[in-house]
């Protein structure tokens, strides 16, 4: 009898589905054609001066915490988000206990976006694209096809 591949095994009753990566992103495409992530959206609000003093303190403290506890792929590989080298590259949280700690702290960012009418959604995918960067918490991927940018 032929052996089933991993995709077939996941579809077999009794086998768990493959783990999914998670991304929190805009509901609207950027001019570059991708859906900006939650940090880009919150940073945009802060840069535009839209945040109240209390919101700005939350955003600043949150960003400082993430900077101290979460690798920034672009400081490790300056070309990771370069549109020429990795068109449409976006970051996804890994399905791992390490990433769950970071995801748990996103609620305040999502509340901030909602308070300012910025549409966002949680997106999950077992296969978000070709991995161009990976650490314990995240992957940065290039979508498999241009029309799939951030759409899994």
N, C-alpha and C. Protein backbone atom coordinates (compact mmCIF):
# COMPACT_ATOMS: atom_id res chain seq x y z
N UNK A 1 0.84 -1.17 0.00
CA UNK A 1 0.00 0.00 0.00
C UNK A 1 0.89 1.24 0.00
N UNK A 2 0.60 2.25 -0.85
CA UNK A 2 1.43 3.46 -0.90
C UNK A 2 1.27 4.26 0.39
N UNK A 3 2.34 4.97 0.76
CA UNK A 3 2.29 5.81 1.94
C UNK A 3 1.64 7.14 1.59
N UNK A 4 0.86 7.69 2.54
CA UNK A 4 0.23 8.99 2.35
C UNK A 4 1.24 10.08 2.67
N UNK A 5 1.13 11.20 1.97
CA UNK A 5 1.99 12.33 2.32
C UNK A 5 1.38 13.09 3.49
N UNK A 6 2.10 14.10 4.01
CA UNK A 6 1.66 14.83 5.20
C UNK A 6 0.31 15.50 4.98
N UNK A 7 0.08 16.05 3.79
CA UNK A 7 -1.20 16.71 3.53
C UNK A 7 -2.34 15.71 3.55
N UNK A 8 -2.12 14.54 3.00
CA UNK A 8 -3.17 13.52 3.00
C UNK A 8 -3.43 13.04 4.42
N UNK A 9 -2.36 12.85 5.21
CA UNK A 9 -2.53 12.39 6.57
C UNK A 9 -3.33 13.38 7.40
N UNK A 10 -3.12 14.68 7.18
CA UNK A 10 -3.85 15.68 7.94
C UNK A 10 -5.33 15.63 7.64
N UNK A 11 -5.69 15.20 6.43
CA UNK A 11 -7.08 15.13 6.05
C UNK A 11 -7.74 13.83 6.48
N UNK A 12 -6.96 12.90 6.97
CA UNK A 12 -7.48 11.62 7.39
C UNK A 12 -8.17 11.78 8.74
N UNK A 13 -9.39 11.24 8.88
CA UNK A 13 -10.07 11.35 10.18
C UNK A 13 -9.19 10.81 11.30
N UNK A 14 -9.18 11.52 12.41
CA UNK A 14 -8.38 11.11 13.56
C UNK A 14 -7.02 11.79 13.62
N UNK A 15 -6.54 12.32 12.50
CA UNK A 15 -5.28 13.05 12.50
C UNK A 15 -5.55 14.52 12.73
N UNK A 16 -4.76 15.17 13.58
CA UNK A 16 -4.98 16.61 13.80
C UNK A 16 -4.62 17.40 12.56
N UNK A 17 -5.28 18.55 12.38
CA UNK A 17 -4.90 19.41 11.24
C UNK A 17 -3.50 19.96 11.47
N UNK A 18 -2.82 20.37 10.40
CA UNK A 18 -1.48 20.94 10.57
C UNK A 18 -1.58 22.23 11.39
N UNK A 19 -0.53 22.55 12.15
CA UNK A 19 -0.56 23.79 12.93
C UNK A 19 -0.64 25.00 12.02
N UNK A 20 -1.29 26.04 12.52
CA UNK A 20 -1.47 27.23 11.70
C UNK A 20 -0.68 28.41 12.23
N UNK A 21 -0.14 29.17 11.30
CA UNK A 21 0.51 30.44 11.60
C UNK A 21 -0.60 31.48 11.73
N UNK A 22 -0.34 32.54 12.48
CA UNK A 22 -1.36 33.57 12.73
C UNK A 22 -0.80 34.93 12.37
N UNK A 23 -1.65 35.73 11.75
CA UNK A 23 -1.28 37.10 11.39
C UNK A 23 -2.45 38.00 11.68
N UNK A 24 -2.17 39.18 12.23
CA UNK A 24 -3.18 40.22 12.45
C UNK A 24 -2.84 41.33 11.48
N UNK A 25 -3.80 41.65 10.60
CA UNK A 25 -3.48 42.56 9.51
C UNK A 25 -4.67 43.44 9.15
N UNK A 26 -4.39 44.43 8.34
CA UNK A 26 -5.41 45.35 7.84
C UNK A 26 -6.44 44.62 6.98
N UNK A 27 -7.61 45.18 6.90
CA UNK A 27 -8.62 44.66 5.98
C UNK A 27 -8.49 45.31 4.61
N UNK A 28 -7.56 46.27 4.49
CA UNK A 28 -7.38 47.03 3.25
C UNK A 28 -5.93 46.86 2.77
N UNK A 29 -5.77 46.61 1.49
CA UNK A 29 -4.43 46.50 0.91
C UNK A 29 -3.72 47.85 0.93
N UNK A 30 -2.42 47.78 1.11
CA UNK A 30 -1.60 48.99 1.01
C UNK A 30 -1.35 49.28 -0.46
N UNK A 31 -0.78 50.44 -0.78
CA UNK A 31 -0.43 50.72 -2.18
C UNK A 31 0.54 49.69 -2.78
N UNK A 32 1.35 49.03 -1.92
CA UNK A 32 2.26 48.00 -2.41
C UNK A 32 1.56 46.66 -2.65
N UNK A 33 0.28 46.57 -2.29
CA UNK A 33 -0.48 45.36 -2.59
C UNK A 33 -0.58 44.35 -1.47
N UNK A 34 0.02 44.62 -0.31
CA UNK A 34 -0.09 43.69 0.81
C UNK A 34 -1.01 44.28 1.88
N UNK A 35 -1.30 43.50 2.88
CA UNK A 35 -2.13 43.94 3.99
C UNK A 35 -1.20 44.24 5.18
N UNK A 36 -1.03 45.52 5.55
CA UNK A 36 -0.12 45.83 6.65
C UNK A 36 -0.52 45.12 7.94
N UNK A 37 0.49 44.75 8.72
CA UNK A 37 0.24 44.07 9.98
C UNK A 37 -0.11 45.03 11.10
N UNK A 38 -0.48 44.46 12.23
CA UNK A 38 -0.96 45.23 13.36
C UNK A 38 0.06 46.26 13.84
N UNK A 39 1.34 45.92 13.85
CA UNK A 39 2.34 46.89 14.33
C UNK A 39 2.49 48.05 13.35
N UNK A 40 2.49 47.78 12.06
CA UNK A 40 2.56 48.85 11.07
C UNK A 40 1.35 49.77 11.19
N UNK A 41 0.19 49.20 11.42
CA UNK A 41 -1.02 50.01 11.54
C UNK A 41 -0.97 50.90 12.78
N UNK A 42 -0.58 50.32 13.92
CA UNK A 42 -0.48 51.11 15.15
C UNK A 42 0.62 52.17 15.04
N UNK A 43 1.75 51.81 14.44
CA UNK A 43 2.83 52.79 14.25
C UNK A 43 2.38 53.93 13.36
N UNK A 44 1.57 53.63 12.35
CA UNK A 44 1.04 54.68 11.48
C UNK A 44 0.15 55.65 12.24
N UNK A 45 -0.68 55.13 13.15
CA UNK A 45 -1.52 56.01 13.97
C UNK A 45 -0.65 56.91 14.85
N UNK A 46 0.38 56.32 15.44
CA UNK A 46 1.26 57.11 16.31
C UNK A 46 1.99 58.19 15.52
N UNK A 47 2.53 57.83 14.35
CA UNK A 47 3.25 58.81 13.52
C UNK A 47 2.34 59.93 13.05
N UNK A 48 1.08 59.63 12.82
CA UNK A 48 0.16 60.65 12.32
C UNK A 48 -0.35 61.58 13.41
N UNK A 49 -0.04 61.28 14.67
CA UNK A 49 -0.50 62.12 15.78
C UNK A 49 -1.94 61.85 16.17
N UNK A 50 -2.50 60.73 15.74
CA UNK A 50 -3.91 60.42 16.01
C UNK A 50 -4.17 59.89 17.42
N UNK A 51 -3.13 59.46 18.12
CA UNK A 51 -3.33 58.83 19.43
C UNK A 51 -3.52 59.87 20.53
N UNK A 52 -4.39 59.53 21.49
CA UNK A 52 -4.49 60.36 22.69
C UNK A 52 -3.21 60.16 23.50
N UNK A 53 -3.02 60.97 24.52
CA UNK A 53 -1.83 60.84 25.36
C UNK A 53 -1.77 59.44 25.99
N UNK A 54 -2.91 58.97 26.50
CA UNK A 54 -2.96 57.64 27.12
C UNK A 54 -2.67 56.54 26.09
N UNK A 55 -3.25 56.66 24.90
CA UNK A 55 -2.99 55.68 23.83
C UNK A 55 -1.53 55.71 23.42
N UNK A 56 -0.97 56.91 23.33
CA UNK A 56 0.43 57.01 22.95
C UNK A 56 1.30 56.33 23.99
N UNK A 57 1.04 56.52 25.29
CA UNK A 57 1.83 55.87 26.35
C UNK A 57 1.71 54.35 26.23
N UNK A 58 0.49 53.84 25.97
CA UNK A 58 0.31 52.40 25.79
C UNK A 58 1.14 51.92 24.60
N UNK A 59 1.00 52.61 23.46
CA UNK A 59 1.71 52.22 22.24
C UNK A 59 3.22 52.22 22.46
N UNK A 60 3.74 53.30 23.09
CA UNK A 60 5.19 53.40 23.31
C UNK A 60 5.68 52.27 24.23
N UNK A 61 4.96 52.04 25.34
CA UNK A 61 5.36 50.98 26.27
C UNK A 61 5.25 49.61 25.60
N UNK A 62 4.21 49.41 24.81
CA UNK A 62 4.05 48.13 24.10
C UNK A 62 5.16 47.91 23.09
N UNK A 63 5.47 48.92 22.31
CA UNK A 63 6.55 48.78 21.33
C UNK A 63 7.89 48.54 22.01
N UNK A 64 8.12 49.24 23.13
CA UNK A 64 9.37 49.03 23.85
C UNK A 64 9.46 47.59 24.35
N UNK A 65 8.33 47.05 24.87
CA UNK A 65 8.33 45.67 25.35
C UNK A 65 8.61 44.70 24.20
N UNK A 66 7.91 44.88 23.08
CA UNK A 66 8.13 43.99 21.93
C UNK A 66 9.57 44.10 21.43
N UNK A 67 10.10 45.32 21.37
CA UNK A 67 11.49 45.49 20.92
C UNK A 67 12.47 44.74 21.82
N UNK A 68 12.17 44.70 23.11
CA UNK A 68 13.07 44.04 24.06
C UNK A 68 12.91 42.52 24.07
N UNK A 69 11.75 42.02 23.63
CA UNK A 69 11.45 40.60 23.78
C UNK A 69 11.21 39.83 22.49
N UNK A 70 11.30 40.51 21.37
CA UNK A 70 10.86 39.93 20.11
C UNK A 70 11.83 40.35 19.02
N UNK A 71 12.48 39.42 18.34
CA UNK A 71 13.43 39.82 17.29
C UNK A 71 12.74 40.60 16.16
N UNK A 72 13.40 41.62 15.68
CA UNK A 72 12.92 42.38 14.53
C UNK A 72 13.65 41.83 13.30
N UNK A 73 12.92 41.12 12.43
CA UNK A 73 13.59 40.50 11.28
C UNK A 73 14.39 41.47 10.43
N UNK A 74 13.94 42.72 10.32
CA UNK A 74 14.64 43.67 9.46
C UNK A 74 15.97 44.13 10.04
N UNK A 75 16.18 43.97 11.34
CA UNK A 75 17.50 44.29 11.91
C UNK A 75 18.46 43.13 11.74
N UNK A 76 17.94 41.94 11.56
CA UNK A 76 18.76 40.75 11.35
C UNK A 76 19.08 40.58 9.87
N UNK A 77 18.08 40.83 9.04
CA UNK A 77 18.25 40.75 7.58
C UNK A 77 17.61 42.00 6.97
N UNK A 78 18.39 43.02 6.66
CA UNK A 78 17.84 44.27 6.14
C UNK A 78 17.04 44.13 4.85
N UNK A 79 17.22 43.04 4.13
CA UNK A 79 16.50 42.84 2.88
C UNK A 79 15.24 41.99 3.02
N UNK A 80 14.92 41.58 4.25
CA UNK A 80 13.81 40.64 4.42
C UNK A 80 12.48 41.20 3.88
N UNK A 81 12.24 42.49 4.04
CA UNK A 81 11.00 43.10 3.53
C UNK A 81 11.22 43.88 2.24
N UNK A 82 12.40 43.78 1.66
CA UNK A 82 12.69 44.51 0.43
C UNK A 82 11.80 43.99 -0.70
N UNK A 83 11.03 44.87 -1.35
CA UNK A 83 10.09 44.41 -2.38
C UNK A 83 10.76 43.80 -3.61
N UNK A 84 12.01 44.14 -3.86
CA UNK A 84 12.73 43.55 -4.99
C UNK A 84 13.19 42.12 -4.66
N UNK A 85 13.69 41.93 -3.44
CA UNK A 85 14.21 40.61 -3.04
C UNK A 85 13.10 39.67 -2.58
N UNK A 86 12.13 40.20 -1.83
CA UNK A 86 11.07 39.37 -1.26
C UNK A 86 9.72 40.06 -1.43
N UNK A 87 9.22 40.10 -2.66
CA UNK A 87 7.96 40.82 -2.92
C UNK A 87 6.80 40.28 -2.10
N UNK A 88 6.14 41.20 -1.40
CA UNK A 88 4.97 40.83 -0.62
C UNK A 88 5.28 40.18 0.71
N UNK A 89 6.53 40.22 1.16
CA UNK A 89 6.91 39.55 2.40
C UNK A 89 6.14 40.11 3.59
N UNK A 90 5.61 39.22 4.42
CA UNK A 90 4.90 39.59 5.64
C UNK A 90 5.25 38.61 6.76
N UNK A 91 5.10 39.07 8.00
CA UNK A 91 5.41 38.25 9.16
C UNK A 91 4.17 37.55 9.69
N UNK A 92 4.37 36.34 10.16
CA UNK A 92 3.32 35.52 10.77
C UNK A 92 3.83 35.00 12.11
N UNK A 93 2.99 34.98 13.13
CA UNK A 93 3.36 34.34 14.38
C UNK A 93 3.36 32.83 14.17
N UNK A 94 4.35 32.18 14.75
CA UNK A 94 4.44 30.72 14.64
C UNK A 94 3.44 30.06 15.61
N UNK A 95 3.03 28.86 15.29
CA UNK A 95 2.18 28.12 16.22
C UNK A 95 3.04 27.50 17.31
N UNK A 96 3.46 28.34 18.27
CA UNK A 96 4.36 27.87 19.32
C UNK A 96 4.02 28.53 20.64
N UNK A 97 4.37 27.87 21.76
CA UNK A 97 4.13 28.49 23.07
C UNK A 97 4.87 29.82 23.21
N UNK A 98 6.06 29.93 22.62
CA UNK A 98 6.81 31.19 22.69
C UNK A 98 6.03 32.33 22.04
N UNK A 99 5.44 32.06 20.90
CA UNK A 99 4.69 33.10 20.19
C UNK A 99 3.38 33.44 20.91
N UNK A 100 2.79 32.49 21.60
CA UNK A 100 1.53 32.75 22.30
C UNK A 100 1.67 33.87 23.32
N UNK A 101 2.83 33.98 23.96
CA UNK A 101 3.07 35.07 24.91
C UNK A 101 2.99 36.41 24.19
N UNK A 102 3.54 36.48 23.00
CA UNK A 102 3.51 37.72 22.23
C UNK A 102 2.12 38.02 21.71
N UNK A 103 1.42 37.01 21.25
CA UNK A 103 0.06 37.19 20.73
C UNK A 103 -0.87 37.68 21.85
N UNK A 104 -0.69 37.15 23.05
CA UNK A 104 -1.55 37.54 24.16
C UNK A 104 -1.48 39.03 24.45
N UNK A 105 -0.38 39.66 24.14
CA UNK A 105 -0.21 41.09 24.41
C UNK A 105 -0.76 41.98 23.29
N UNK A 106 -1.29 41.38 22.23
CA UNK A 106 -1.79 42.16 21.09
C UNK A 106 -3.16 42.80 21.35
N UNK A 107 -3.89 42.33 22.33
CA UNK A 107 -5.26 42.82 22.55
C UNK A 107 -5.32 44.34 22.62
N UNK A 108 -4.39 44.96 23.32
CA UNK A 108 -4.39 46.42 23.43
C UNK A 108 -4.16 47.10 22.09
N UNK A 109 -3.31 46.53 21.26
CA UNK A 109 -3.10 47.08 19.91
C UNK A 109 -4.38 46.98 19.08
N UNK A 110 -5.05 45.85 19.19
CA UNK A 110 -6.28 45.66 18.42
C UNK A 110 -7.37 46.61 18.90
N UNK A 111 -7.44 46.84 20.22
CA UNK A 111 -8.38 47.82 20.76
C UNK A 111 -8.06 49.22 20.25
N UNK A 112 -6.79 49.54 20.19
CA UNK A 112 -6.35 50.84 19.68
C UNK A 112 -6.80 51.03 18.23
N UNK A 113 -6.57 50.02 17.41
CA UNK A 113 -6.99 50.10 16.00
C UNK A 113 -8.50 50.27 15.89
N UNK A 114 -9.23 49.48 16.65
CA UNK A 114 -10.70 49.55 16.62
C UNK A 114 -11.18 50.94 17.05
N UNK A 115 -10.57 51.50 18.09
CA UNK A 115 -10.96 52.82 18.58
C UNK A 115 -10.78 53.91 17.53
N UNK A 116 -9.86 53.68 16.59
CA UNK A 116 -9.61 54.67 15.54
C UNK A 116 -10.23 54.27 14.20
N UNK A 117 -11.09 53.27 14.22
CA UNK A 117 -11.78 52.86 13.00
C UNK A 117 -10.89 52.19 11.97
N UNK A 118 -9.77 51.63 12.42
CA UNK A 118 -8.86 50.94 11.51
C UNK A 118 -9.29 49.47 11.45
N UNK A 119 -9.71 49.03 10.28
CA UNK A 119 -10.16 47.64 10.13
C UNK A 119 -8.99 46.67 10.21
N UNK A 120 -9.19 45.59 10.94
CA UNK A 120 -8.18 44.55 11.07
C UNK A 120 -8.87 43.20 11.10
N UNK A 121 -8.09 42.17 10.83
CA UNK A 121 -8.61 40.80 10.92
C UNK A 121 -7.48 39.86 11.32
N UNK A 122 -7.90 38.77 11.94
CA UNK A 122 -6.98 37.69 12.26
C UNK A 122 -7.01 36.72 11.10
N UNK A 123 -5.84 36.36 10.60
CA UNK A 123 -5.72 35.45 9.47
C UNK A 123 -4.87 34.27 9.92
N UNK A 124 -5.27 33.08 9.51
CA UNK A 124 -4.51 31.87 9.86
C UNK A 124 -4.21 31.08 8.59
N UNK A 125 -3.07 30.41 8.61
CA UNK A 125 -2.69 29.59 7.46
C UNK A 125 -1.71 28.51 7.91
N UNK A 126 -1.90 27.32 7.38
CA UNK A 126 -0.94 26.25 7.61
C UNK A 126 0.25 26.41 6.67
N UNK A 127 0.07 27.18 5.59
CA UNK A 127 1.13 27.36 4.60
C UNK A 127 1.08 28.80 4.07
N UNK A 128 1.64 29.76 4.84
CA UNK A 128 1.52 31.16 4.43
C UNK A 128 2.45 31.59 3.31
N UNK A 129 3.33 30.72 2.84
CA UNK A 129 4.21 31.09 1.74
C UNK A 129 5.62 30.54 1.93
N UNK A 130 6.51 31.04 1.09
CA UNK A 130 7.92 30.62 1.14
C UNK A 130 8.61 31.38 2.27
N UNK A 131 9.19 30.65 3.20
CA UNK A 131 9.82 31.25 4.37
C UNK A 131 11.16 31.88 3.97
N UNK A 132 11.31 33.18 4.28
CA UNK A 132 12.55 33.89 4.00
C UNK A 132 13.26 34.31 5.29
N UNK A 133 12.59 34.14 6.42
CA UNK A 133 13.17 34.42 7.73
C UNK A 133 12.40 33.61 8.75
N UNK A 134 13.11 33.12 9.78
CA UNK A 134 12.44 32.37 10.85
C UNK A 134 13.22 32.52 12.15
N UNK A 135 12.47 32.68 13.25
CA UNK A 135 13.05 32.62 14.58
C UNK A 135 12.06 31.85 15.46
N UNK A 136 12.23 31.87 16.76
CA UNK A 136 11.39 31.08 17.65
C UNK A 136 9.93 31.54 17.67
N UNK A 137 9.68 32.78 17.25
CA UNK A 137 8.36 33.38 17.39
C UNK A 137 7.60 33.57 16.09
N UNK A 138 8.32 33.68 15.01
CA UNK A 138 7.69 34.13 13.76
C UNK A 138 8.41 33.59 12.54
N UNK A 139 7.69 33.70 11.43
CA UNK A 139 8.30 33.51 10.12
C UNK A 139 7.94 34.73 9.30
N UNK A 140 8.80 35.07 8.37
CA UNK A 140 8.46 36.06 7.34
C UNK A 140 8.39 35.25 6.06
N UNK A 141 7.29 35.41 5.34
CA UNK A 141 7.08 34.62 4.14
C UNK A 141 6.78 35.50 2.94
N UNK A 142 7.09 34.96 1.79
CA UNK A 142 6.68 35.55 0.53
C UNK A 142 5.54 34.67 0.03
N UNK A 143 4.41 35.27 -0.30
CA UNK A 143 3.27 34.48 -0.76
C UNK A 143 3.61 33.61 -1.97
N UNK A 144 2.90 32.52 -2.09
CA UNK A 144 3.13 31.61 -3.22
C UNK A 144 2.77 32.24 -4.56
N UNK A 145 1.78 33.11 -4.57
CA UNK A 145 1.36 33.79 -5.81
C UNK A 145 0.99 35.22 -5.46
N UNK A 146 1.24 36.17 -6.37
CA UNK A 146 0.98 37.58 -6.07
C UNK A 146 -0.43 37.87 -5.57
N UNK A 147 -1.43 37.19 -6.08
CA UNK A 147 -2.81 37.47 -5.66
C UNK A 147 -3.12 36.95 -4.27
N UNK A 148 -2.18 36.20 -3.66
CA UNK A 148 -2.43 35.63 -2.34
C UNK A 148 -1.76 36.42 -1.22
N UNK A 149 -1.24 37.61 -1.48
CA UNK A 149 -0.49 38.36 -0.49
C UNK A 149 -1.35 38.53 0.78
N UNK A 150 -0.90 37.89 1.87
CA UNK A 150 -1.60 38.00 3.13
C UNK A 150 -2.98 37.41 3.14
N UNK A 151 -3.33 36.61 2.17
CA UNK A 151 -4.68 36.06 2.05
C UNK A 151 -4.65 34.55 2.18
N UNK A 152 -4.58 34.05 3.35
CA UNK A 152 -4.62 32.60 3.55
C UNK A 152 -5.55 32.30 4.68
